[in-house]
Amino acid sequence: MRRWEFIGLISGAAAWPLAVRAQQTGIPVAGVLSPQSAGPTTASRVAGFLEGLAEAQYVAGRNVAIEYRWADGNYDRLKPLVEDLVRLNVAVIAALTQDAALAAKTHRART
């Protein structure tokens, strides 16, 4: 699956070492972009995202790594966060909101 084939409205959290290990072992890395902060507001979205992955036979830490980028309410951070995910060579970027999706789409249009 190419990096830009999937932009959805989902969210969650994962650790940096997991992505490094994933790249070394060849498992796919999914990037998730949110203009919000990780916390109670996004917890149900995290659970839904992980449940959807499980339905597709993907389990975080086992056969997929997840890299989350949170803008903490600062929408100006979305563009640099997209660039960070692209540098990590994620297989897909999933966006939590329309603003996050537009930031990812704008980056794609420039490449």
Protein backbone atom coordinates (compact mmCIF):
# COMPACT_ATOMS: atom_id res chain seq x y z
CA MET A 1 0.00 0.00 0.00
CA ARG A 2 1.37 3.40 -0.94
CA ARG A 3 1.79 6.17 1.59
CA TRP A 4 -1.14 8.31 0.40
CA GLU A 5 -3.72 5.65 -0.46
CA PHE A 6 -5.41 5.99 2.89
CA ILE A 7 -6.26 9.16 4.77
CA GLY A 8 -8.92 8.54 7.37
CA LEU A 9 -10.35 10.10 10.45
CA ILE A 10 -8.63 8.12 13.19
CA SER A 11 -6.30 8.57 16.14
CA GLY A 12 -4.07 6.78 18.73
CA ALA A 13 -0.61 6.56 20.34
CA ALA A 14 2.65 4.60 19.93
CA ALA A 15 6.27 4.91 20.96
CA TRP A 16 9.26 6.00 18.83
CA PRO A 17 11.31 2.83 19.52
CA LEU A 18 8.49 0.73 18.08
CA ALA A 19 8.75 2.54 14.72
CA VAL A 20 12.52 2.16 14.65
CA ARG A 21 12.17 -1.56 15.37
CA ALA A 22 9.40 -1.80 12.74
CA GLN A 23 11.58 -0.29 10.04
CA GLN A 24 14.36 -2.72 10.89
CA THR A 25 12.07 -5.76 10.70
CA GLY A 26 10.11 -4.62 7.67
CA ILE A 27 6.64 -4.34 9.23
CA PRO A 28 4.52 -1.45 7.97
CA VAL A 29 4.39 1.81 9.88
CA ALA A 30 1.17 3.83 9.98
CA GLY A 31 1.29 7.53 10.75
CA VAL A 32 -1.59 9.23 12.53
CA LEU A 33 -1.94 13.00 12.48
CA SER A 34 -4.08 15.00 14.90
CA PRO A 35 -4.45 18.71 15.58
CA GLN A 36 -5.49 17.79 19.12
CA SER A 37 -3.60 16.44 22.12
CA ALA A 38 -3.56 12.82 23.17
CA GLY A 39 -5.92 12.34 26.09
CA PRO A 40 -9.46 11.61 27.19
CA THR A 41 -10.98 13.49 24.25
CA THR A 42 -9.27 11.25 21.73
CA ALA A 43 -9.32 7.99 23.73
CA SER A 44 -12.40 6.58 21.98
CA ARG A 45 -10.85 7.32 18.59
CA VAL A 46 -7.68 5.55 19.64
CA ALA A 47 -9.72 2.52 20.67
CA GLY A 48 -11.68 2.59 17.40
CA PHE A 49 -8.51 2.85 15.35
CA LEU A 50 -6.90 -0.10 17.11
CA GLU A 51 -10.11 -2.11 16.80
CA GLY A 52 -10.25 -1.41 13.06
CA LEU A 53 -6.66 -2.50 12.67
CA ALA A 54 -7.41 -5.71 14.57
CA GLU A 55 -10.35 -6.45 12.26
CA ALA A 56 -7.89 -6.20 9.37
CA GLN A 57 -5.53 -8.59 11.22
CA TYR A 58 -3.07 -5.86 12.27
CA VAL A 59 -1.92 -5.63 15.86
CA ALA A 60 0.18 -2.69 16.96
CA GLY A 61 3.59 -3.88 18.04
CA ARG A 62 3.19 -7.27 16.40
CA ASN A 63 2.72 -6.73 12.66
CA VAL A 64 2.28 -2.96 12.37
CA ALA A 65 3.88 0.01 14.08
CA ILE A 66 2.00 3.23 14.67
CA GLU A 67 3.57 6.68 14.82
CA TYR A 68 1.33 9.39 16.24
CA ARG A 69 1.86 13.09 15.82
CA TRP A 70 -0.16 15.49 17.99
CA ALA A 71 -0.31 19.23 17.27
CA ASP A 72 -1.64 19.97 20.78
CA GLY A 73 -4.16 22.48 19.45
CA ASN A 74 -1.57 24.38 17.40
CA TYR A 75 -2.73 23.99 13.80
CA ASP A 76 0.47 25.62 12.53
CA ARG A 77 2.29 22.46 13.67
CA LEU A 78 0.37 20.19 11.29
CA LYS A 79 2.60 20.84 8.28
CA PRO A 80 5.88 20.05 10.13
CA LEU A 81 4.26 16.97 11.66
CA VAL A 82 3.27 15.70 8.20
CA GLU A 83 6.84 16.29 7.02
CA ASP A 84 8.11 14.29 10.00
CA LEU A 85 5.86 11.36 9.14
CA VAL A 86 6.95 11.49 5.50
CA ARG A 87 10.62 11.44 6.58
CA LEU A 88 9.83 8.28 8.56
CA ASN A 89 8.57 6.75 5.30
CA VAL A 90 5.26 5.66 6.80
CA ALA A 91 3.10 3.42 4.64
CA VAL A 92 -0.01 5.49 5.30
CA ILE A 93 -1.06 8.70 7.03
CA ALA A 94 -4.42 8.70 8.78
CA ALA A 95 -5.82 12.09 9.73
CA LEU A 96 -8.09 12.75 12.70
CA THR A 97 -9.75 15.87 11.29
CA GLN A 98 -10.34 17.61 8.00
CA ASP A 99 -7.58 20.12 8.85
CA ALA A 100 -5.11 17.29 9.38
CA ALA A 101 -6.22 15.63 6.13
CA LEU A 102 -5.75 18.90 4.23
CA ALA A 103 -2.25 19.31 5.69
CA ALA A 104 -1.36 15.81 4.48
CA LYS A 105 -2.97 16.40 1.09
CA THR A 106 -1.18 19.73 0.65
CA HIS A 107 2.16 18.02 1.32
CA ARG A 108 1.35 15.35 -1.26
CA ALA A 109 0.47 17.99 -3.83
CA ARG A 110 3.92 19.54 -3.44
CA THR A 111 5.82 16.26 -3.91
